């Protein structure tokens, strides 16, 4: 059974930094894409950043220039470096992996205080 496990969430003041990590367990293949999504209270889950197996990245407009996604390919691990955090970045952040199917982590809470 494939499991994605996130770590690194927490509470930080506005302007601070956090680093999220994700590791996949139980896989025998390398994800085509890995990424991060987030869901704030009362809002839909939204894309934060995606990285392909070749290293191409795509960022949501609100985080571009502040967040950096990276991964170790073919190992199914990834990180999200978040700098210049804002209160509106507060959300549960989910690790994502794509092969034929989609895989999701359970989420890690990021809270940014003003």
PDB file of N, CA and C in Angstrom:
ATOM      1  N   UNK A   1       0.846  -1.189   0.000  1.00  0.00           N
ATOM      2  CA  UNK A   1       0.000   0.000   0.000  1.00  0.00           C
ATOM      3  C   UNK A   1       0.884   1.243   0.000  1.00  0.00           C
ATOM      4  N   UNK A   2       0.599   2.161  -0.906  1.00  0.00           N
ATOM      5  CA  UNK A   2       1.391   3.384  -1.023  1.00  0.00           C
ATOM      6  C   UNK A   2       0.943   4.397   0.022  1.00  0.00           C
ATOM      7  N   UNK A   3       1.895   4.978   0.712  1.00  0.00           N
ATOM      8  CA  UNK A   3       1.613   6.041   1.678  1.00  0.00           C
ATOM      9  C   UNK A   3       2.552   7.208   1.435  1.00  0.00           C
ATOM     10  N   UNK A   4       1.993   8.405   1.459  1.00  0.00           N
ATOM     11  CA  UNK A   4       2.780   9.627   1.413  1.00  0.00           C
ATOM     12  C   UNK A   4       2.727  10.265   2.792  1.00  0.00           C
ATOM     13  N   UNK A   5       3.890  10.595   3.332  1.00  0.00           N
ATOM     14  CA  UNK A   5       3.965  11.130   4.687  1.00  0.00           C
ATOM     15  C   UNK A   5       4.638  12.493   4.651  1.00  0.00           C
ATOM     16  N   UNK A   6       3.905  13.511   5.113  1.00  0.00           N
ATOM     17  CA  UNK A   6       4.440  14.871   5.172  1.00  0.00           C
ATOM     18  C   UNK A   6       5.025  15.151   6.548  1.00  0.00           C
ATOM     19  N   UNK A   7       5.948  16.098   6.588  1.00  0.00           N
ATOM     20  CA  UNK A   7       6.490  16.593   7.846  1.00  0.00           C
ATOM     21  C   UNK A   7       6.927  18.031   7.649  1.00  0.00           C
ATOM     22  N   UNK A   8       7.055  18.759   8.757  1.00  0.00           N
ATOM     23  CA  UNK A   8       7.623  20.093   8.703  1.00  0.00           C
ATOM     24  C   UNK A   8       6.641  21.232   8.876  1.00  0.00           C
ATOM     25  N   UNK A   9       5.365  20.952   9.031  1.00  0.00           N
ATOM     26  CA  UNK A   9       4.417  22.031   9.260  1.00  0.00           C
ATOM     27  C   UNK A   9       4.585  22.623  10.648  1.00  0.00           C
ATOM     28  N   UNK A  10       3.848  23.690  10.904  1.00  0.00           N
ATOM     29  CA  UNK A  10       3.915  24.309  12.217  1.00  0.00           C
ATOM     30  C   UNK A  10       3.406  25.727  12.200  1.00  0.00           C
ATOM     31  N   UNK A  11       3.736  26.450  13.257  1.00  0.00           N
ATOM     32  CA  UNK A  11       3.317  27.840  13.446  1.00  0.00           C
ATOM     33  C   UNK A  11       4.514  28.755  13.241  1.00  0.00           C
ATOM     34  N   UNK A  12       4.320  29.793  12.453  1.00  0.00           N
ATOM     35  CA  UNK A  12       5.403  30.727  12.183  1.00  0.00           C
ATOM     36  C   UNK A  12       4.821  32.130  12.045  1.00  0.00           C
ATOM     37  N   UNK A  13       5.618  33.132  12.353  1.00  0.00           N
ATOM     38  CA  UNK A  13       5.169  34.517  12.189  1.00  0.00           C
ATOM     39  C   UNK A  13       5.274  34.936  10.728  1.00  0.00           C
ATOM     40  N   UNK A  14       4.463  35.898  10.362  1.00  0.00           N
ATOM     41  CA  UNK A  14       4.520  36.429   9.008  1.00  0.00           C
ATOM     42  C   UNK A  14       5.942  36.872   8.678  1.00  0.00           C
ATOM     43  N   UNK A  15       6.368  36.532   7.456  1.00  0.00           N
ATOM     44  CA  UNK A  15       7.723  36.834   7.029  1.00  0.00           C
ATOM     45  C   UNK A  15       8.709  35.718   7.292  1.00  0.00           C
ATOM     46  N   UNK A  16       8.288  34.733   8.057  1.00  0.00           N
ATOM     47  CA  UNK A  16       9.157  33.613   8.395  1.00  0.00           C
ATOM     48  C   UNK A  16       9.189  32.543   7.321  1.00  0.00           C
ATOM     49  N   UNK A  17       9.873  31.454   7.644  1.00  0.00           N
ATOM     50  CA  UNK A  17      10.070  30.363   6.685  1.00  0.00           C
ATOM     51  C   UNK A  17       9.731  29.019   7.321  1.00  0.00           C
ATOM     52  N   UNK A  18       9.300  28.112   6.476  1.00  0.00           N
ATOM     53  CA  UNK A  18       9.105  26.720   6.857  1.00  0.00           C
ATOM     54  C   UNK A  18       9.523  25.841   5.693  1.00  0.00           C
ATOM     55  N   UNK A  19       9.913  24.621   6.012  1.00  0.00           N
ATOM     56  CA  UNK A  19      10.291  23.654   4.986  1.00  0.00           C
ATOM     57  C   UNK A  19       9.463  22.402   5.192  1.00  0.00           C
ATOM     58  N   UNK A  20       8.683  22.061   4.192  1.00  0.00           N
ATOM     59  CA  UNK A  20       7.880  20.845   4.226  1.00  0.00           C
ATOM     60  C   UNK A  20       8.598  19.734   3.476  1.00  0.00           C
ATOM     61  N   UNK A  21       8.468  18.524   3.986  1.00  0.00           N
ATOM     62  CA  UNK A  21       9.050  17.364   3.322  1.00  0.00           C
ATOM     63  C   UNK A  21       7.988  16.300   3.141  1.00  0.00           C
ATOM     64  N   UNK A  22       8.189  15.468   2.138  1.00  0.00           N
ATOM     65  CA  UNK A  22       7.256  14.380   1.873  1.00  0.00           C
ATOM     66  C   UNK A  22       8.048  13.175   1.393  1.00  0.00           C
ATOM     67  N   UNK A  23       7.703  12.017   1.919  1.00  0.00           N
ATOM     68  CA  UNK A  23       8.333  10.779   1.486  1.00  0.00           C
ATOM     69  C   UNK A  23       7.245   9.743   1.223  1.00  0.00           C
ATOM     70  N   UNK A  24       7.459   8.963   0.191  1.00  0.00           N
ATOM     71  CA  UNK A  24       6.509   7.916  -0.168  1.00  0.00           C
ATOM     72  C   UNK A  24       7.034   6.570   0.296  1.00  0.00           C
ATOM     73  N   UNK A  25       6.123   5.774   0.819  1.00  0.00           N
ATOM     74  CA  UNK A  25       6.461   4.431   1.282  1.00  0.00           C
ATOM     75  C   UNK A  25       5.579   3.427   0.554  1.00  0.00           C
ATOM     76  N   UNK A  26       6.157   2.261   0.264  1.00  0.00           N
ATOM     77  CA  UNK A  26       5.373   1.207  -0.359  1.00  0.00           C
ATOM     78  C   UNK A  26       5.302   1.293  -1.870  1.00  0.00           C
ATOM     79  N   UNK A  27       6.116   2.178  -2.472  1.00  0.00           N
ATOM     80  CA  UNK A  27       6.081   2.300  -3.928  1.00  0.00           C
ATOM     81  C   UNK A  27       7.170   1.430  -4.564  1.00  0.00           C
ATOM     82  N   UNK A  28       6.900   0.980  -5.757  1.00  0.00           N
ATOM     83  CA  UNK A  28       7.903   0.260  -6.539  1.00  0.00           C
ATOM     84  C   UNK A  28       8.150   0.987  -7.859  1.00  0.00           C
ATOM     85  N   UNK A  29       7.602   2.199  -7.971  1.00  0.00           N
ATOM     86  CA  UNK A  29       7.742   2.984  -9.177  1.00  0.00           C
ATOM     87  C   UNK A  29       8.055   4.421  -8.769  1.00  0.00           C
ATOM     88  N   UNK A  30       8.497   5.224  -9.712  1.00  0.00           N
ATOM     89  CA  UNK A  30       8.753   6.638  -9.457  1.00  0.00           C
ATOM     90  C   UNK A  30       7.596   7.456  -9.993  1.00  0.00           C
ATOM     91  N   UNK A  31       7.127   8.379  -9.195  1.00  0.00           N
ATOM     92  CA  UNK A  31       6.035   9.227  -9.633  1.00  0.00           C
ATOM     93  C   UNK A  31       6.436  10.055 -10.843  1.00  0.00           C
ATOM     94  N   UNK A  32       5.506  10.206 -11.763  1.00  0.00           N
ATOM     95  CA  UNK A  32       5.733  11.106 -12.893  1.00  0.00           C
ATOM     96  C   UNK A  32       5.817  12.543 -12.390  1.00  0.00           C
ATOM     97  N   UNK A  33       4.820  12.946 -11.642  1.00  0.00           N
ATOM     98  CA  UNK A  33       4.781  14.280 -11.042  1.00  0.00           C
ATOM     99  C   UNK A  33       4.671  14.139  -9.530  1.00  0.00           C
ATOM    100  N   UNK A  34       5.240  15.090  -8.831  1.00  0.00           N
ATOM    101  CA  UNK A  34       5.001  15.256  -7.404  1.00  0.00           C
ATOM    102  C   UNK A  34       4.656  16.719  -7.170  1.00  0.00           C
ATOM    103  N   UNK A  35       3.958  16.959  -6.096  1.00  0.00           N
ATOM    104  CA  UNK A  35       3.579  18.344  -5.857  1.00  0.00           C
ATOM    105  C   UNK A  35       3.001  18.566  -4.477  1.00  0.00           C
ATOM    106  N   UNK A  36       2.547  19.781  -4.302  1.00  0.00           N
ATOM    107  CA  UNK A  36       1.907  20.209  -3.056  1.00  0.00           C
ATOM    108  C   UNK A  36       0.618  20.944  -3.381  1.00  0.00           C
ATOM    109  N   UNK A  37      -0.397  20.627  -2.628  1.00  0.00           N
ATOM    110  CA  UNK A  37      -1.663  21.344  -2.657  1.00  0.00           C
ATOM    111  C   UNK A  37      -1.931  21.847  -1.248  1.00  0.00           C
ATOM    112  N   UNK A  38      -2.857  22.783  -1.136  1.00  0.00           N
ATOM    113  CA  UNK A  38      -3.245  23.272   0.179  1.00  0.00           C
ATOM    114  C   UNK A  38      -4.734  23.552   0.222  1.00  0.00           C
ATOM    115  N   UNK A  39      -5.260  23.485   1.434  1.00  0.00           N
ATOM    116  CA  UNK A  39      -6.677  23.773   1.636  1.00  0.00           C
ATOM    117  C   UNK A  39      -6.841  24.596   2.893  1.00  0.00           C
ATOM    118  N   UNK A  40      -7.340  25.803   2.707  1.00  0.00           N
ATOM    119  CA  UNK A  40      -7.618  26.690   3.830  1.00  0.00           C
ATOM    120  C   UNK A  40      -9.052  26.456   4.302  1.00  0.00           C
ATOM    121  N   UNK A  41      -9.359  26.816   5.540  1.00  0.00           N
ATOM    122  CA  UNK A  41     -10.723  26.617   6.044  1.00  0.00           C
ATOM    123  C   UNK A  41     -11.765  27.290   5.162  1.00  0.00           C
ATOM    124  N   UNK A  42     -12.778  26.531   4.778  1.00  0.00           N
ATOM    125  CA  UNK A  42     -13.856  27.077   3.978  1.00  0.00           C
ATOM    126  C   UNK A  42     -13.543  27.251   2.515  1.00  0.00           C
ATOM    127  N   UNK A  43     -12.365  26.785   2.089  1.00  0.00           N
ATOM    128  CA  UNK A  43     -11.970  26.951   0.692  1.00  0.00           C
ATOM    129  C   UNK A  43     -11.685  25.595   0.062  1.00  0.00           C
ATOM    130  N   UNK A  44     -11.653  25.582  -1.261  1.00  0.00           N
ATOM    131  CA  UNK A  44     -11.333  24.350  -1.979  1.00  0.00           C
ATOM    132  C   UNK A  44      -9.828  24.101  -1.959  1.00  0.00           C
ATOM    133  N   UNK A  45      -9.466  22.842  -2.130  1.00  0.00           N
ATOM    134  CA  UNK A  45      -8.055  22.502  -2.230  1.00  0.00           C
ATOM    135  C   UNK A  45      -7.495  23.121  -3.514  1.00  0.00           C
ATOM    136  N   UNK A  46      -6.299  23.704  -3.408  1.00  0.00           N
ATOM    137  CA  UNK A  46      -5.707  24.381  -4.558  1.00  0.00           C
ATOM    138  C   UNK A  46      -4.257  23.967  -4.733  1.00  0.00           C
ATOM    139  N   UNK A  47      -3.822  24.052  -5.982  1.00  0.00           N
ATOM    140  CA  UNK A  47      -2.450  23.737  -6.301  1.00  0.00           C
ATOM    141  C   UNK A  47      -1.509  24.779  -5.705  1.00  0.00           C
ATOM    142  N   UNK A  48      -0.399  24.297  -5.159  1.00  0.00           N
ATOM    143  CA  UNK A  48       0.669  25.191  -4.710  1.00  0.00           C
ATOM    144  C   UNK A  48       1.828  25.125  -5.699  1.00  0.00           C
ATOM    145  N   UNK A  49       2.326  23.906  -5.943  1.00  0.00           N
ATOM    146  CA  UNK A  49       3.463  23.726  -6.840  1.00  0.00           C
ATOM    147  C   UNK A  49       3.508  22.288  -7.303  1.00  0.00           C
ATOM    148  N   UNK A  50       4.029  22.121  -8.528  1.00  0.00           N
ATOM    149  CA  UNK A  50       4.189  20.793  -9.117  1.00  0.00           C
ATOM    150  C   UNK A  50       5.589  20.685  -9.688  1.00  0.00           C
ATOM    151  N   UNK A  51       6.172  19.493  -9.621  1.00  0.00           N
ATOM    152  CA  UNK A  51       7.473  19.250 -10.240  1.00  0.00           C
ATOM    153  C   UNK A  51       7.410  17.913 -10.965  1.00  0.00           C
ATOM    154  N   UNK A  52       7.893  17.901 -12.199  1.00  0.00           N
ATOM    155  CA  UNK A  52       7.856  16.677 -13.001  1.00  0.00           C
ATOM    156  C   UNK A  52       9.109  15.836 -12.759  1.00  0.00           C
ATOM    157  N   UNK A  53       9.130  14.670 -13.362  1.00  0.00           N
ATOM    158  CA  UNK A  53      10.284  13.786 -13.216  1.00  0.00           C
ATOM    159  C   UNK A  53      11.537  14.391 -13.843  1.00  0.00           C
ATOM    160  N   UNK A  54      11.353  15.294 -14.805  1.00  0.00           N
ATOM    161  CA  UNK A  54      12.497  15.942 -15.450  1.00  0.00           C
ATOM    162  C   UNK A  54      12.907  17.223 -14.741  1.00  0.00           C
ATOM    163  N   UNK A  55      12.167  17.584 -13.707  1.00  0.00           N
ATOM    164  CA  UNK A  55      12.535  18.757 -12.928  1.00  0.00           C
ATOM    165  C   UNK A  55      11.819  20.050 -13.305  1.00  0.00           C
ATOM    166  N   UNK A  56      10.906  19.958 -14.263  1.00  0.00           N
ATOM    167  CA  UNK A  56      10.141  21.168 -14.590  1.00  0.00           C
ATOM    168  C   UNK A  56       9.185  21.493 -13.456  1.00  0.00           C
ATOM    169  N   UNK A  57       9.044  22.774 -13.174  1.00  0.00           N
ATOM    170  CA  UNK A  57       8.201  23.210 -12.062  1.00  0.00           C
ATOM    171  C   UNK A  57       7.104  24.153 -12.526  1.00  0.00           C
ATOM    172  N   UNK A  58       6.044  24.170 -11.748  1.00  0.00           N
ATOM    173  CA  UNK A  58       4.951  25.095 -11.995  1.00  0.00           C
ATOM    174  C   UNK A  58       4.431  25.547 -10.646  1.00  0.00           C
ATOM    175  N   UNK A  59       4.269  26.844 -10.482  1.00  0.00           N
ATOM    176  CA  UNK A  59       3.838  27.405  -9.204  1.00  0.00           C
ATOM    177  C   UNK A  59       2.532  28.178  -9.365  1.00  0.00           C
ATOM    178  N   UNK A  60       1.717  28.121  -8.329  1.00  0.00           N
ATOM    179  CA  UNK A  60       0.543  28.982  -8.289  1.00  0.00           C
ATOM    180  C   UNK A  60       1.001  30.428  -8.148  1.00  0.00           C
ATOM    181  N   UNK A  61       0.258  31.333  -8.740  1.00  0.00           N
ATOM    182  CA  UNK A  61       0.650  32.742  -8.741  1.00  0.00           C
ATOM    183  C   UNK A  61       0.889  33.309  -7.334  1.00  0.00           C
ATOM    184  N   UNK A  62       0.054  32.980  -6.346  1.00  0.00           N
ATOM    185  CA  UNK A  62       0.260  33.583  -5.021  1.00  0.00           C
ATOM    186  C   UNK A  62       1.582  33.200  -4.343  1.00  0.00           C
ATOM    187  N   UNK A  63       2.203  32.106  -4.758  1.00  0.00           N
ATOM    188  CA  UNK A  63       3.419  31.663  -4.073  1.00  0.00           C
ATOM    189  C   UNK A  63       4.671  31.818  -4.924  1.00  0.00           C
ATOM    190  N   UNK A  64       4.503  32.194  -6.166  1.00  0.00           N
ATOM    191  CA  UNK A  64       5.647  32.294  -7.078  1.00  0.00           C
ATOM    192  C   UNK A  64       6.640  33.321  -6.543  1.00  0.00           C
ATOM    193  N   UNK A  65       7.891  32.923  -6.527  1.00  0.00           N
ATOM    194  CA  UNK A  65       8.934  33.799  -6.022  1.00  0.00           C
ATOM    195  C   UNK A  65       9.187  33.666  -4.532  1.00  0.00           C
ATOM    196  N   UNK A  66       8.282  32.990  -3.824  1.00  0.00           N
ATOM    197  CA  UNK A  66       8.455  32.809  -2.374  1.00  0.00           C
ATOM    198  C   UNK A  66       8.681  31.338  -2.007  1.00  0.00           C
ATOM    199  N   UNK A  67       8.054  30.440  -2.764  1.00  0.00           N
ATOM    200  CA  UNK A  67       8.153  29.013  -2.480  1.00  0.00           C
ATOM    201  C   UNK A  67       9.023  28.340  -3.539  1.00  0.00           C
ATOM    202  N   UNK A  68       9.724  27.286  -3.121  1.00  0.00           N
ATOM    203  CA  UNK A  68      10.543  26.505  -4.039  1.00  0.00           C
ATOM    204  C   UNK A  68      10.302  25.022  -3.806  1.00  0.00           C
ATOM    205  N   UNK A  69       9.934  24.332  -4.869  1.00  0.00           N
ATOM    206  CA  UNK A  69       9.715  22.894  -4.787  1.00  0.00           C
ATOM    207  C   UNK A  69      10.926  22.159  -5.350  1.00  0.00           C
ATOM    208  N   UNK A  70      11.266  21.044  -4.744  1.00  0.00           N
ATOM    209  CA  UNK A  70      12.358  20.219  -5.242  1.00  0.00           C
ATOM    210  C   UNK A  70      12.033  18.755  -4.947  1.00  0.00           C
ATOM    211  N   UNK A  71      12.704  17.870  -5.666  1.00  0.00           N
ATOM    212  CA  UNK A  71      12.482  16.444  -5.429  1.00  0.00           C
ATOM    213  C   UNK A  71      13.754  15.674  -5.737  1.00  0.00           C
ATOM    214  N   UNK A  72      13.841  14.501  -5.162  1.00  0.00           N
ATOM    215  CA  UNK A  72      14.907  13.568  -5.463  1.00  0.00           C
ATOM    216  C   UNK A  72      14.320  12.487  -6.350  1.00  0.00           C
ATOM    217  N   UNK A  73      14.691  12.496  -7.617  1.00  0.00           N
ATOM    218  CA  UNK A  73      14.201  11.504  -8.576  1.00  0.00           C
ATOM    219  C   UNK A  73      15.322  10.518  -8.847  1.00  0.00           C
ATOM    220  N   UNK A  74      15.080   9.216  -8.860  1.00  0.00           N
ATOM    221  CA  UNK A  74      13.779   8.550  -8.879  1.00  0.00           C
ATOM    222  C   UNK A  74      13.189   8.246  -7.504  1.00  0.00           C
ATOM    223  N   UNK A  75      13.891   8.631  -6.428  1.00  0.00           N
ATOM    224  CA  UNK A  75      13.269   8.442  -5.125  1.00  0.00           C
ATOM    225  C   UNK A  75      12.022   9.325  -5.018  1.00  0.00           C
ATOM    226  N   UNK A  76      11.043   8.850  -4.395  1.00  0.00           N
ATOM    227  CA  UNK A  76       9.783   9.594  -4.255  1.00  0.00           C
ATOM    228  C   UNK A  76       9.808  10.447  -2.994  1.00  0.00           C
ATOM    229  N   UNK A  77      10.691  11.420  -3.001  1.00  0.00           N
ATOM    230  CA  UNK A  77      10.745  12.385  -1.909  1.00  0.00           C
ATOM    231  C   UNK A  77      10.745  13.787  -2.497  1.00  0.00           C
ATOM    232  N   UNK A  78      10.175  14.704  -1.769  1.00  0.00           N
ATOM    233  CA  UNK A  78      10.134  16.083  -2.235  1.00  0.00           C
ATOM    234  C   UNK A  78      10.129  17.024  -1.050  1.00  0.00           C
ATOM    235  N   UNK A  79      10.465  18.275  -1.320  1.00  0.00           N
ATOM    236  CA  UNK A  79      10.425  19.311  -0.301  1.00  0.00           C
ATOM    237  C   UNK A  79       9.773  20.565  -0.870  1.00  0.00           C
ATOM    238  N   UNK A  80       9.251  21.370   0.011  1.00  0.00           N
ATOM    239  CA  UNK A  80       8.701  22.675  -0.341  1.00  0.00           C
ATOM    240  C   UNK A  80       9.299  23.686   0.631  1.00  0.00           C
ATOM    241  N   UNK A  81      10.182  24.517   0.121  1.00  0.00           N
ATOM    242  CA  UNK A  81      10.760  25.590   0.932  1.00  0.00           C
ATOM    243  C   UNK A  81       9.861  26.800   0.808  1.00  0.00           C
ATOM    244  N   UNK A  82       9.357  27.270   1.933  1.00  0.00           N
ATOM    245  CA  UNK A  82       8.418  28.386   1.946  1.00  0.00           C
ATOM    246  C   UNK A  82       9.039  29.553   2.679  1.00  0.00           C
ATOM    247  N   UNK A  83       9.295  30.631   1.959  1.00  0.00           N
ATOM    248  CA  UNK A  83       9.872  31.843   2.525  1.00  0.00           C
ATOM    249  C   UNK A  83       8.875  32.985   2.419  1.00  0.00           C
ATOM    250  N   UNK A  84       9.094  34.004   3.204  1.00  0.00           N
ATOM    251  CA  UNK A  84       8.197  35.153   3.149  1.00  0.00           C
ATOM    252  C   UNK A  84       6.753  34.790   3.388  1.00  0.00           C
ATOM    253  N   UNK A  85       6.512  33.936   4.369  1.00  0.00           N
ATOM    254  CA  UNK A  85       5.152  33.443   4.607  1.00  0.00           C
ATOM    255  C   UNK A  85       4.216  34.575   5.019  1.00  0.00           C
ATOM    256  N   UNK A  86       2.981  34.440   4.559  1.00  0.00           N
ATOM    257  CA  UNK A  86       1.938  35.416   4.831  1.00  0.00           C
ATOM    258  C   UNK A  86       0.775  34.725   5.550  1.00  0.00           C
ATOM    259  N   UNK A  87      -0.024  35.474   6.290  1.00  0.00           N
ATOM    260  CA  UNK A  87      -1.179  34.842   6.957  1.00  0.00           C
ATOM    261  C   UNK A  87      -2.083  34.086   5.985  1.00  0.00           C
ATOM    262  N   UNK A  88      -2.190  34.573   4.756  1.00  0.00           N
ATOM    263  CA  UNK A  88      -3.043  33.888   3.765  1.00  0.00           C
ATOM    264  C   UNK A  88      -2.463  32.570   3.287  1.00  0.00           C
ATOM    265  N   UNK A  89      -1.246  32.245   3.691  1.00  0.00           N
ATOM    266  CA  UNK A  89      -0.679  30.923   3.387  1.00  0.00           C
ATOM    267  C   UNK A  89      -1.138  29.868   4.391  1.00  0.00           C
ATOM    268  N   UNK A  90      -1.837  30.292   5.423  1.00  0.00           N
ATOM    269  CA  UNK A  90      -2.325  29.356   6.424  1.00  0.00           C
ATOM    270  C   UNK A  90      -3.276  28.347   5.790  1.00  0.00           C
ATOM    271  N   UNK A  91      -2.960  27.073   5.970  1.00  0.00           N
ATOM    272  CA  UNK A  91      -3.752  26.005   5.344  1.00  0.00           C
ATOM    273  C   UNK A  91      -3.182  24.660   5.773  1.00  0.00           C
ATOM    274  N   UNK A  92      -3.899  23.615   5.425  1.00  0.00           N
ATOM    275  CA  UNK A  92      -3.344  22.270   5.499  1.00  0.00           C
ATOM    276  C   UNK A  92      -2.695  21.985   4.158  1.00  0.00           C
ATOM    277  N   UNK A  93      -1.445  21.574   4.188  1.00  0.00           N
ATOM    278  CA  UNK A  93      -0.686  21.320   2.976  1.00  0.00           C
ATOM    279  C   UNK A  93      -0.597  19.806   2.743  1.00  0.00           C
ATOM    280  N   UNK A  94      -0.900  19.413   1.511  1.00  0.00           N
ATOM    281  CA  UNK A  94      -0.941  17.999   1.154  1.00  0.00           C
ATOM    282  C   UNK A  94       0.122  17.668   0.109  1.00  0.00           C
ATOM    283  N   UNK A  95       0.817  16.601   0.365  1.00  0.00           N
ATOM    284  CA  UNK A  95       1.768  16.046  -0.599  1.00  0.00           C
ATOM    285  C   UNK A  95       0.985  15.260  -1.648  1.00  0.00           C
ATOM    286  N   UNK A  96       1.468  15.292  -2.877  1.00  0.00           N
ATOM    287  CA  UNK A  96       0.758  14.681  -4.010  1.00  0.00           C
ATOM    288  C   UNK A  96       1.748  13.949  -4.886  1.00  0.00           C
ATOM    289  N   UNK A  97       1.336  12.767  -5.328  1.00  0.00           N
ATOM    290  CA  UNK A  97       2.152  12.004  -6.256  1.00  0.00           C
ATOM    291  C   UNK A  97       1.290  11.426  -7.358  1.00  0.00           C
ATOM    292  N   UNK A  98       1.795  11.462  -8.578  1.00  0.00           N
ATOM    293  CA  UNK A  98       1.026  10.984  -9.731  1.00  0.00           C
ATOM    294  C   UNK A  98       1.815   9.953 -10.519  1.00  0.00           C
ATOM    295  N   UNK A  99       1.190   8.822 -10.696  1.00  0.00           N
ATOM    296  CA  UNK A  99       1.675   7.858 -11.677  1.00  0.00           C
ATOM    297  C   UNK A  99       0.471   7.552 -12.561  1.00  0.00           C
ATOM    298  N   UNK A 100       0.037   6.340 -12.618  1.00  0.00           N
ATOM    299  CA  UNK A 100      -1.245   6.055 -13.271  1.00  0.00           C
ATOM    300  C   UNK A 100      -2.368   6.582 -12.382  1.00  0.00           C
ATOM    301  N   UNK A 101      -2.190   6.444 -11.097  1.00  0.00           N
ATOM    302  CA  UNK A 101      -3.153   6.929 -10.106  1.00  0.00           C
ATOM    303  C   UNK A 101      -2.593   8.133  -9.359  1.00  0.00           C
ATOM    304  N   UNK A 102      -3.494   8.795  -8.634  1.00  0.00           N
ATOM    305  CA  UNK A 102      -3.086   9.895  -7.767  1.00  0.00           C
ATOM    306  C   UNK A 102      -2.941   9.391  -6.336  1.00  0.00           C
ATOM    307  N   UNK A 103      -1.967   9.928  -5.649  1.00  0.00           N
ATOM    308  CA  UNK A 103      -1.731   9.577  -4.266  1.00  0.00           C
ATOM    309  C   UNK A 103      -1.606  10.844  -3.447  1.00  0.00           C
ATOM    310  N   UNK A 104      -2.153  10.798  -2.246  1.00  0.00           N
ATOM    311  CA  UNK A 104      -2.187  11.976  -1.376  1.00  0.00           C
ATOM    312  C   UNK A 104      -1.703  11.625   0.013  1.00  0.00           C
ATOM    313  N   UNK A 105      -1.016  12.581   0.631  1.00  0.00           N
ATOM    314  CA  UNK A 105      -0.682  12.462   2.022  1.00  0.00           C
ATOM    315  C   UNK A 105      -1.856  12.893   2.887  1.00  0.00           C
ATOM    316  N   UNK A 106      -1.686  12.759   4.185  1.00  0.00           N
ATOM    317  CA  UNK A 106      -2.767  13.112   5.113  1.00  0.00           C
ATOM    318  C   UNK A 106      -2.794  14.595   5.425  1.00  0.00           C
ATOM    319  N   UNK A 107      -1.741  15.311   5.089  1.00  0.00           N
ATOM    320  CA  UNK A 107      -1.719  16.751   5.289  1.00  0.00           C
ATOM    321  C   UNK A 107      -0.957  17.166   6.524  1.00  0.00           C
ATOM    322  N   UNK A 108      -0.388  18.358   6.446  1.00  0.00           N
ATOM    323  CA  UNK A 108       0.306  18.947   7.582  1.00  0.00           C
ATOM    324  C   UNK A 108      -0.124  20.408   7.700  1.00  0.00           C
ATOM    325  N   UNK A 109      -0.397  20.826   8.918  1.00  0.00           N
ATOM    326  CA  UNK A 109      -0.925  22.172   9.148  1.00  0.00           C
ATOM    327  C   UNK A 109       0.192  23.206   9.118  1.00  0.00           C
ATOM    328  N   UNK A 110      -0.030  24.261   8.373  1.00  0.00           N
ATOM    329  CA  UNK A 110       0.846  25.433   8.369  1.00  0.00           C
ATOM    330  C   UNK A 110       0.011  26.624   8.816  1.00  0.00           C
ATOM    331  N   UNK A 111       0.452  27.279   9.868  1.00  0.00           N
ATOM    332  CA  UNK A 111      -0.256  28.444  10.398  1.00  0.00           C
ATOM    333  C   UNK A 111       0.704  29.620  10.449  1.00  0.00           C
ATOM    334  N   UNK A 112       0.317  30.719   9.821  1.00  0.00           N
ATOM    335  CA  UNK A 112       1.140  31.919   9.776  1.00  0.00           C
ATOM    336  C   UNK A 112       0.411  33.019  10.535  1.00  0.00           C
ATOM    337  N   UNK A 113       1.018  33.487  11.586  1.00  0.00           N
ATOM    338  CA  UNK A 113       0.404  34.532  12.404  1.00  0.00           C
ATOM    339  C   UNK A 113       0.846  35.905  11.930  1.00  0.00           C
ATOM    340  N   UNK A 114      -0.036  36.868  12.094  1.00  0.00           N
ATOM    341  CA  UNK A 114       0.273  38.232  11.640  1.00  0.00           C
ATOM    342  C   UNK A 114       0.960  39.034  12.730  1.00  0.00           C
TER     343      UNK A 114
END
